[in-house]
């Protein structure tokens, strides 16, 4: 088994940099949220879960309005994080790019009529605040979590 020259004794196949671990954890959390959106009890008013649109009455944790589409978006975003955690550059792109997407989504949520057709995901006020916080946190993590000195920034090991 080969070892990483930056980390003697550690398998090159299992070592992840801090930015890769951060992207991996973020991806796993988003995937978990997507799954939980389909779990009755964790998602209240589950019988009101619709595919898309503001009429979906289902609420993740009784707070965040969700639909099948909303849950699928979380699952896909989570999968992207899990896959992009394979390399340092992709991990950074996932965190910063995902943060930008969430900031845009929070601004979008501020300007749409929550009971109108533009609210197709759907999102409510709690979602808007969460999206704003997620956007900021993901971007900060994307810039703040950096490889340690001597680590190869282009490592592609999983």
N, C-alpha and C. Protein backbone atom coordinates (compact mmCIF):
# COMPACT_ATOMS: atom_id res chain seq x y z
N UNK A 1 0.86 -1.18 0.00
CA UNK A 1 0.00 0.00 0.00
C UNK A 1 0.90 1.23 0.00
N UNK A 2 0.60 2.18 -0.85
CA UNK A 2 1.43 3.38 -0.93
C UNK A 2 1.04 4.34 0.18
N UNK A 3 1.97 5.22 0.48
CA UNK A 3 1.71 6.22 1.50
C UNK A 3 1.87 7.60 0.89
N UNK A 4 1.25 8.53 1.50
CA UNK A 4 1.36 9.91 1.06
C UNK A 4 2.66 10.48 1.58
N UNK A 5 3.42 11.12 0.69
CA UNK A 5 4.69 11.70 1.13
C UNK A 5 4.47 12.84 2.10
N UNK A 6 3.31 13.49 2.02
CA UNK A 6 3.03 14.59 2.93
C UNK A 6 2.65 14.06 4.31
N UNK A 7 2.20 12.82 4.37
CA UNK A 7 1.75 12.24 5.62
C UNK A 7 2.23 10.80 5.71
N UNK A 8 3.53 10.60 6.08
CA UNK A 8 4.09 9.25 6.16
C UNK A 8 3.25 8.36 7.06
N UNK A 9 3.08 7.14 6.59
CA UNK A 9 2.34 6.17 7.39
C UNK A 9 0.84 6.19 7.13
N UNK A 10 0.35 7.20 6.43
CA UNK A 10 -1.08 7.27 6.12
C UNK A 10 -1.29 6.78 4.70
N UNK A 11 -2.30 6.00 4.50
CA UNK A 11 -2.62 5.52 3.17
C UNK A 11 -3.01 6.67 2.28
N UNK A 12 -2.44 6.71 1.09
CA UNK A 12 -2.77 7.78 0.14
C UNK A 12 -4.21 7.64 -0.33
N UNK A 13 -4.79 6.48 -0.22
CA UNK A 13 -6.16 6.26 -0.66
C UNK A 13 -7.17 6.76 0.36
N UNK A 14 -6.80 6.89 1.62
CA UNK A 14 -7.77 7.27 2.64
C UNK A 14 -7.55 8.68 3.17
N UNK A 15 -6.43 9.29 2.87
CA UNK A 15 -6.17 10.62 3.40
C UNK A 15 -6.96 11.68 2.65
N UNK A 16 -7.59 12.54 3.40
CA UNK A 16 -8.29 13.71 2.84
C UNK A 16 -7.77 14.95 3.53
N UNK A 17 -7.66 16.00 2.77
CA UNK A 17 -7.26 17.27 3.34
C UNK A 17 -8.44 17.85 4.11
N UNK A 18 -8.21 18.84 4.95
CA UNK A 18 -9.32 19.46 5.69
C UNK A 18 -10.42 20.01 4.78
N UNK A 19 -10.06 20.59 3.64
CA UNK A 19 -11.08 21.13 2.73
C UNK A 19 -11.91 19.99 2.13
N UNK A 20 -11.27 18.86 1.85
CA UNK A 20 -12.00 17.71 1.32
C UNK A 20 -12.94 17.14 2.38
N UNK A 21 -12.48 17.05 3.60
CA UNK A 21 -13.33 16.57 4.69
C UNK A 21 -14.52 17.51 4.90
N UNK A 22 -14.28 18.80 4.80
CA UNK A 22 -15.36 19.78 4.97
C UNK A 22 -16.40 19.61 3.88
N UNK A 23 -15.97 19.47 2.64
CA UNK A 23 -16.90 19.27 1.53
C UNK A 23 -17.64 17.94 1.68
N UNK A 24 -16.94 16.92 2.13
CA UNK A 24 -17.56 15.61 2.33
C UNK A 24 -18.65 15.68 3.40
N UNK A 25 -18.34 16.31 4.50
CA UNK A 25 -19.34 16.45 5.58
C UNK A 25 -20.53 17.29 5.12
N UNK A 26 -20.25 18.40 4.43
CA UNK A 26 -21.34 19.25 3.93
C UNK A 26 -22.21 18.47 2.96
N UNK A 27 -21.59 17.73 2.05
CA UNK A 27 -22.35 16.92 1.11
C UNK A 27 -23.20 15.88 1.81
N UNK A 28 -22.63 15.23 2.82
CA UNK A 28 -23.37 14.21 3.57
C UNK A 28 -24.56 14.83 4.30
N UNK A 29 -24.37 16.01 4.87
CA UNK A 29 -25.46 16.68 5.58
C UNK A 29 -26.58 17.04 4.61
N UNK A 30 -26.25 17.59 3.45
CA UNK A 30 -27.28 17.93 2.47
C UNK A 30 -28.01 16.69 1.98
N UNK A 31 -27.28 15.59 1.75
CA UNK A 31 -27.93 14.35 1.34
C UNK A 31 -28.87 13.84 2.44
N UNK A 32 -28.42 13.93 3.68
CA UNK A 32 -29.25 13.50 4.81
C UNK A 32 -30.52 14.35 4.89
N UNK A 33 -30.39 15.65 4.71
CA UNK A 33 -31.56 16.54 4.74
C UNK A 33 -32.53 16.15 3.62
N UNK A 34 -32.00 15.83 2.45
CA UNK A 34 -32.85 15.40 1.35
C UNK A 34 -33.60 14.12 1.68
N UNK A 35 -32.95 13.19 2.33
CA UNK A 35 -33.59 11.94 2.74
C UNK A 35 -34.65 12.22 3.81
N UNK A 36 -34.28 13.03 4.81
CA UNK A 36 -35.21 13.32 5.91
C UNK A 36 -36.48 14.02 5.43
N UNK A 37 -36.38 14.73 4.32
CA UNK A 37 -37.56 15.38 3.76
C UNK A 37 -38.61 14.39 3.29
N UNK A 38 -38.23 13.12 3.15
CA UNK A 38 -39.16 12.07 2.73
C UNK A 38 -39.60 11.19 3.91
N UNK A 39 -39.19 11.55 5.13
CA UNK A 39 -39.52 10.72 6.29
C UNK A 39 -40.69 11.34 7.06
N UNK A 40 -41.83 10.63 7.05
CA UNK A 40 -42.98 11.12 7.83
C UNK A 40 -42.61 11.23 9.31
N UNK A 41 -43.08 12.27 9.95
CA UNK A 41 -42.76 12.51 11.35
C UNK A 41 -41.65 13.54 11.46
N UNK A 42 -40.55 13.31 10.76
CA UNK A 42 -39.50 14.32 10.70
C UNK A 42 -39.99 15.45 9.79
N UNK A 43 -40.72 15.04 8.76
CA UNK A 43 -41.40 16.01 7.90
C UNK A 43 -42.87 16.00 8.33
N UNK A 44 -43.31 17.10 8.93
CA UNK A 44 -44.69 17.18 9.39
C UNK A 44 -45.62 17.44 8.21
N UNK A 45 -46.87 17.12 8.40
CA UNK A 45 -47.88 17.26 7.35
C UNK A 45 -47.42 16.56 6.07
N UNK A 46 -46.83 15.39 6.26
CA UNK A 46 -46.25 14.64 5.15
C UNK A 46 -47.28 14.35 4.05
N UNK A 47 -48.53 14.17 4.44
CA UNK A 47 -49.57 13.88 3.45
C UNK A 47 -49.78 15.05 2.49
N UNK A 48 -49.28 16.24 2.85
CA UNK A 48 -49.42 17.42 2.00
C UNK A 48 -48.19 17.66 1.13
N UNK A 49 -47.26 16.70 1.14
CA UNK A 49 -46.05 16.82 0.32
C UNK A 49 -46.44 16.70 -1.15
N UNK A 50 -46.17 17.75 -1.90
CA UNK A 50 -46.45 17.72 -3.34
C UNK A 50 -45.14 17.71 -4.09
N UNK A 51 -45.20 17.48 -5.41
CA UNK A 51 -43.96 17.42 -6.17
C UNK A 51 -43.25 18.76 -6.16
N UNK A 52 -43.96 19.83 -6.39
CA UNK A 52 -43.36 21.16 -6.45
C UNK A 52 -44.45 22.20 -6.18
N UNK A 53 -44.01 23.41 -5.98
CA UNK A 53 -44.94 24.52 -5.86
C UNK A 53 -45.20 24.95 -4.43
N UNK A 54 -45.69 26.16 -4.32
CA UNK A 54 -45.92 26.77 -3.01
C UNK A 54 -47.02 26.07 -2.21
N UNK A 55 -47.82 25.23 -2.86
CA UNK A 55 -48.92 24.57 -2.18
C UNK A 55 -48.51 23.37 -1.34
N UNK A 56 -47.26 22.96 -1.43
CA UNK A 56 -46.81 21.85 -0.61
C UNK A 56 -46.86 22.27 0.86
N UNK A 57 -47.63 21.54 1.64
CA UNK A 57 -47.78 21.89 3.05
C UNK A 57 -46.85 21.14 3.97
N UNK A 58 -45.99 20.30 3.42
CA UNK A 58 -45.06 19.52 4.23
C UNK A 58 -43.95 20.44 4.77
N UNK A 59 -43.56 20.18 6.02
CA UNK A 59 -42.55 21.02 6.67
C UNK A 59 -41.48 20.14 7.32
N UNK A 60 -40.25 20.27 6.85
CA UNK A 60 -39.14 19.55 7.46
C UNK A 60 -38.92 20.10 8.85
N UNK A 61 -38.91 19.21 9.84
CA UNK A 61 -38.77 19.59 11.25
C UNK A 61 -39.88 20.55 11.70
N UNK A 62 -40.96 20.60 10.95
CA UNK A 62 -42.08 21.48 11.28
C UNK A 62 -41.80 22.95 11.02
N UNK A 63 -40.69 23.25 10.34
CA UNK A 63 -40.27 24.65 10.15
C UNK A 63 -40.04 25.00 8.68
N UNK A 64 -39.34 24.13 7.95
CA UNK A 64 -38.89 24.45 6.60
C UNK A 64 -39.81 23.81 5.57
N UNK A 65 -40.42 24.61 4.73
CA UNK A 65 -41.34 24.09 3.72
C UNK A 65 -40.56 23.28 2.69
N UNK A 66 -41.05 22.08 2.39
CA UNK A 66 -40.38 21.21 1.43
C UNK A 66 -41.39 20.62 0.45
N UNK A 67 -40.86 20.14 -0.63
CA UNK A 67 -41.61 19.41 -1.64
C UNK A 67 -40.71 18.29 -2.13
N UNK A 68 -41.25 17.45 -2.98
CA UNK A 68 -40.41 16.39 -3.56
C UNK A 68 -39.24 17.03 -4.31
N UNK A 69 -39.52 18.06 -5.10
CA UNK A 69 -38.46 18.75 -5.84
C UNK A 69 -37.41 19.33 -4.90
N UNK A 70 -37.85 19.97 -3.83
CA UNK A 70 -36.93 20.56 -2.85
C UNK A 70 -36.02 19.47 -2.28
N UNK A 71 -36.61 18.33 -1.92
CA UNK A 71 -35.82 17.22 -1.37
C UNK A 71 -34.84 16.67 -2.40
N UNK A 72 -35.28 16.57 -3.65
CA UNK A 72 -34.38 16.08 -4.71
C UNK A 72 -33.21 17.03 -4.90
N UNK A 73 -33.48 18.34 -4.83
CA UNK A 73 -32.39 19.33 -4.96
C UNK A 73 -31.38 19.12 -3.84
N UNK A 74 -31.85 18.89 -2.61
CA UNK A 74 -30.92 18.63 -1.50
C UNK A 74 -30.12 17.35 -1.74
N UNK A 75 -30.79 16.32 -2.23
CA UNK A 75 -30.09 15.07 -2.52
C UNK A 75 -29.02 15.26 -3.60
N UNK A 76 -29.35 15.98 -4.66
CA UNK A 76 -28.39 16.22 -5.74
C UNK A 76 -27.23 17.10 -5.27
N UNK A 77 -27.54 18.12 -4.47
CA UNK A 77 -26.48 18.98 -3.95
C UNK A 77 -25.57 18.18 -3.02
N UNK A 78 -26.17 17.31 -2.22
CA UNK A 78 -25.39 16.45 -1.34
C UNK A 78 -24.50 15.50 -2.14
N UNK A 79 -25.05 14.91 -3.19
CA UNK A 79 -24.26 14.01 -4.04
C UNK A 79 -23.10 14.77 -4.69
N UNK A 80 -23.38 15.99 -5.11
CA UNK A 80 -22.31 16.81 -5.70
C UNK A 80 -21.19 17.03 -4.69
N UNK A 81 -21.54 17.32 -3.46
CA UNK A 81 -20.52 17.52 -2.42
C UNK A 81 -19.72 16.26 -2.16
N UNK A 82 -20.39 15.12 -2.12
CA UNK A 82 -19.69 13.85 -1.88
C UNK A 82 -18.73 13.55 -3.02
N UNK A 83 -19.16 13.80 -4.25
CA UNK A 83 -18.29 13.55 -5.41
C UNK A 83 -17.17 14.57 -5.52
N UNK A 84 -17.49 15.83 -5.27
CA UNK A 84 -16.49 16.88 -5.43
C UNK A 84 -15.46 16.88 -4.31
N UNK A 85 -15.75 16.18 -3.22
CA UNK A 85 -14.79 16.08 -2.12
C UNK A 85 -13.58 15.23 -2.50
N UNK A 86 -13.57 14.69 -3.70
CA UNK A 86 -12.47 13.84 -4.14
C UNK A 86 -11.18 14.61 -4.36
N UNK A 87 -11.28 15.90 -4.69
CA UNK A 87 -10.06 16.70 -4.91
C UNK A 87 -10.16 18.01 -4.16
N UNK A 88 -9.03 18.59 -3.91
CA UNK A 88 -8.97 19.87 -3.21
C UNK A 88 -9.65 20.98 -4.03
N UNK A 89 -9.31 21.14 -5.30
CA UNK A 89 -9.96 22.22 -6.05
C UNK A 89 -11.48 22.06 -6.15
N UNK A 90 -11.94 20.84 -6.40
CA UNK A 90 -13.38 20.62 -6.51
C UNK A 90 -14.08 20.84 -5.16
N UNK A 91 -13.42 20.49 -4.09
CA UNK A 91 -13.99 20.73 -2.76
C UNK A 91 -14.20 22.22 -2.53
N UNK A 92 -13.21 22.99 -2.91
CA UNK A 92 -13.30 24.45 -2.77
C UNK A 92 -14.41 25.00 -3.67
N UNK A 93 -14.48 24.52 -4.90
CA UNK A 93 -15.55 24.96 -5.82
C UNK A 93 -16.93 24.63 -5.25
N UNK A 94 -17.07 23.44 -4.68
CA UNK A 94 -18.35 23.04 -4.10
C UNK A 94 -18.75 23.99 -2.98
N UNK A 95 -17.83 24.26 -2.08
CA UNK A 95 -18.16 25.11 -0.93
C UNK A 95 -18.43 26.55 -1.35
N UNK A 96 -17.54 27.13 -2.12
CA UNK A 96 -17.72 28.53 -2.52
C UNK A 96 -18.86 28.66 -3.53
N UNK A 97 -18.87 27.82 -4.54
CA UNK A 97 -19.94 27.88 -5.54
C UNK A 97 -21.30 27.58 -4.93
N UNK A 98 -21.35 26.57 -4.06
CA UNK A 98 -22.60 26.25 -3.38
C UNK A 98 -23.06 27.39 -2.49
N UNK A 99 -22.11 28.04 -1.84
CA UNK A 99 -22.44 29.20 -1.01
C UNK A 99 -23.03 30.33 -1.83
N UNK A 100 -22.46 30.55 -2.99
CA UNK A 100 -22.99 31.60 -3.88
C UNK A 100 -24.41 31.24 -4.32
N UNK A 101 -24.63 29.99 -4.67
CA UNK A 101 -25.97 29.55 -5.08
C UNK A 101 -26.96 29.78 -3.94
N UNK A 102 -26.57 29.44 -2.72
CA UNK A 102 -27.48 29.64 -1.59
C UNK A 102 -27.73 31.11 -1.31
N UNK A 103 -26.74 31.96 -1.48
CA UNK A 103 -26.97 33.40 -1.32
C UNK A 103 -27.95 33.91 -2.38
N UNK A 104 -27.77 33.46 -3.61
CA UNK A 104 -28.70 33.86 -4.68
C UNK A 104 -30.11 33.36 -4.37
N UNK A 105 -30.20 32.14 -3.88
CA UNK A 105 -31.51 31.58 -3.53
C UNK A 105 -32.17 32.37 -2.40
N UNK A 106 -31.38 32.84 -1.44
CA UNK A 106 -31.96 33.63 -0.35
C UNK A 106 -32.47 34.97 -0.86
N UNK A 107 -31.74 35.59 -1.78
CA UNK A 107 -32.20 36.85 -2.38
C UNK A 107 -33.46 36.60 -3.21
N UNK A 108 -33.46 35.53 -3.98
CA UNK A 108 -34.63 35.16 -4.77
C UNK A 108 -35.85 35.01 -3.86
N UNK A 109 -35.65 34.32 -2.74
CA UNK A 109 -36.74 34.11 -1.80
C UNK A 109 -37.29 35.38 -1.20
N UNK A 110 -36.45 36.41 -1.10
CA UNK A 110 -36.91 37.69 -0.55
C UNK A 110 -37.83 38.43 -1.51
N UNK A 111 -37.64 38.23 -2.80
CA UNK A 111 -38.35 39.03 -3.79
C UNK A 111 -39.57 38.35 -4.42
N UNK A 112 -39.72 37.06 -4.19
CA UNK A 112 -40.87 36.38 -4.80
C UNK A 112 -42.06 36.42 -3.85
N UNK A 113 -43.23 36.28 -4.43
CA UNK A 113 -44.45 36.11 -3.65
C UNK A 113 -44.48 34.65 -3.22
N UNK A 114 -44.41 34.40 -1.92
CA UNK A 114 -44.32 33.02 -1.43
C UNK A 114 -45.56 32.20 -1.77
N UNK A 115 -46.66 32.87 -2.12
CA UNK A 115 -47.86 32.12 -2.50
C UNK A 115 -48.07 32.15 -4.02
N UNK A 116 -47.05 32.58 -4.75
CA UNK A 116 -47.15 32.67 -6.20
C UNK A 116 -46.44 31.54 -6.91
N UNK A 117 -46.60 31.48 -8.21
CA UNK A 117 -46.02 30.40 -9.02
C UNK A 117 -44.49 30.45 -9.08
N UNK A 118 -43.90 31.60 -8.80
CA UNK A 118 -42.44 31.70 -8.80
C UNK A 118 -41.82 30.91 -7.64
N UNK A 119 -42.63 30.61 -6.64
CA UNK A 119 -42.15 29.83 -5.50
C UNK A 119 -42.34 28.34 -5.79
N UNK A 120 -41.65 27.85 -6.81
CA UNK A 120 -41.85 26.49 -7.27
C UNK A 120 -41.08 25.46 -6.49
N UNK A 121 -40.10 25.87 -5.67
CA UNK A 121 -39.24 24.88 -5.00
C UNK A 121 -39.95 24.16 -3.86
N UNK A 122 -40.62 24.58 -2.93
CA UNK A 122 -40.98 25.90 -2.42
C UNK A 122 -40.05 26.33 -1.29
N UNK A 123 -40.08 27.61 -0.97
CA UNK A 123 -39.31 28.14 0.15
C UNK A 123 -40.20 29.07 0.98
N UNK A 124 -39.94 29.09 2.28
CA UNK A 124 -40.66 30.01 3.17
C UNK A 124 -39.64 30.91 3.87
N UNK A 125 -40.10 31.73 4.79
CA UNK A 125 -39.21 32.68 5.46
C UNK A 125 -38.09 31.97 6.20
N UNK A 126 -38.41 30.86 6.87
CA UNK A 126 -37.36 30.10 7.58
C UNK A 126 -36.31 29.58 6.60
N UNK A 127 -36.76 29.12 5.42
CA UNK A 127 -35.83 28.67 4.39
C UNK A 127 -34.92 29.82 3.95
N UNK A 128 -35.51 31.01 3.78
CA UNK A 128 -34.71 32.17 3.35
C UNK A 128 -33.58 32.46 4.32
N UNK A 129 -33.90 32.46 5.62
CA UNK A 129 -32.86 32.73 6.62
C UNK A 129 -31.81 31.61 6.62
N UNK A 130 -32.27 30.37 6.51
CA UNK A 130 -31.34 29.25 6.47
C UNK A 130 -30.45 29.33 5.24
N UNK A 131 -31.03 29.66 4.09
CA UNK A 131 -30.24 29.78 2.86
C UNK A 131 -29.19 30.88 2.98
N UNK A 132 -29.57 32.00 3.59
CA UNK A 132 -28.61 33.08 3.82
C UNK A 132 -27.45 32.61 4.70
N UNK A 133 -27.78 31.96 5.80
CA UNK A 133 -26.74 31.47 6.72
C UNK A 133 -25.88 30.42 6.04
N UNK A 134 -26.49 29.49 5.32
CA UNK A 134 -25.72 28.45 4.61
C UNK A 134 -24.79 29.08 3.58
N UNK A 135 -25.28 30.06 2.84
CA UNK A 135 -24.45 30.72 1.85
C UNK A 135 -23.21 31.32 2.47
N UNK A 136 -23.40 32.04 3.54
CA UNK A 136 -22.26 32.68 4.22
C UNK A 136 -21.30 31.63 4.78
N UNK A 137 -21.84 30.62 5.46
CA UNK A 137 -20.99 29.60 6.07
C UNK A 137 -20.21 28.82 5.02
N UNK A 138 -20.87 28.42 3.94
CA UNK A 138 -20.17 27.66 2.90
C UNK A 138 -19.05 28.47 2.27
N UNK A 139 -19.31 29.74 1.98
CA UNK A 139 -18.27 30.59 1.38
C UNK A 139 -17.12 30.79 2.35
N UNK A 140 -17.42 31.06 3.61
CA UNK A 140 -16.36 31.24 4.61
C UNK A 140 -15.52 29.96 4.71
N UNK A 141 -16.19 28.81 4.77
CA UNK A 141 -15.44 27.55 4.85
C UNK A 141 -14.60 27.34 3.60
N UNK A 142 -15.13 27.67 2.45
CA UNK A 142 -14.39 27.51 1.20
C UNK A 142 -13.10 28.30 1.16
N UNK A 143 -13.12 29.46 1.81
CA UNK A 143 -11.91 30.29 1.85
C UNK A 143 -11.05 30.01 3.07
N UNK A 144 -11.67 29.67 4.20
CA UNK A 144 -10.93 29.55 5.46
C UNK A 144 -10.23 28.21 5.62
N UNK A 145 -10.84 27.14 5.14
CA UNK A 145 -10.24 25.82 5.30
C UNK A 145 -9.27 25.62 4.16
N UNK A 146 -7.99 25.62 4.49
CA UNK A 146 -6.96 25.52 3.47
C UNK A 146 -6.07 24.32 3.75
N UNK A 147 -5.45 23.79 2.71
CA UNK A 147 -4.50 22.70 2.94
C UNK A 147 -3.35 23.15 3.83
N UNK A 148 -2.86 22.23 4.62
CA UNK A 148 -1.71 22.54 5.47
C UNK A 148 -0.46 22.64 4.60
N UNK A 149 0.55 23.31 5.11
CA UNK A 149 1.81 23.47 4.38
C UNK A 149 2.34 22.10 3.96
N UNK A 150 2.77 22.00 2.72
CA UNK A 150 3.35 20.76 2.21
C UNK A 150 2.35 19.83 1.56
N UNK A 151 1.05 20.12 1.71
CA UNK A 151 0.06 19.26 1.07
C UNK A 151 -0.08 19.64 -0.39
N UNK A 152 -0.23 18.64 -1.21
CA UNK A 152 -0.41 18.86 -2.64
C UNK A 152 -1.82 19.37 -2.88
N UNK A 153 -1.97 20.59 -3.37
CA UNK A 153 -3.28 21.21 -3.57
C UNK A 153 -4.11 20.47 -4.61
N UNK A 154 -3.51 19.67 -5.42
CA UNK A 154 -4.25 18.97 -6.46
C UNK A 154 -4.47 17.50 -6.13
N UNK A 155 -4.33 17.12 -4.88
CA UNK A 155 -4.49 15.71 -4.51
C UNK A 155 -5.82 15.18 -5.02
N UNK A 156 -5.81 14.01 -5.60
CA UNK A 156 -7.05 13.45 -6.12
C UNK A 156 -7.45 12.17 -5.41
N UNK A 157 -6.76 11.82 -4.34
CA UNK A 157 -7.09 10.59 -3.63
C UNK A 157 -8.39 10.78 -2.86
N UNK A 158 -9.08 9.67 -2.71
CA UNK A 158 -10.30 9.68 -1.91
C UNK A 158 -10.01 9.22 -0.52
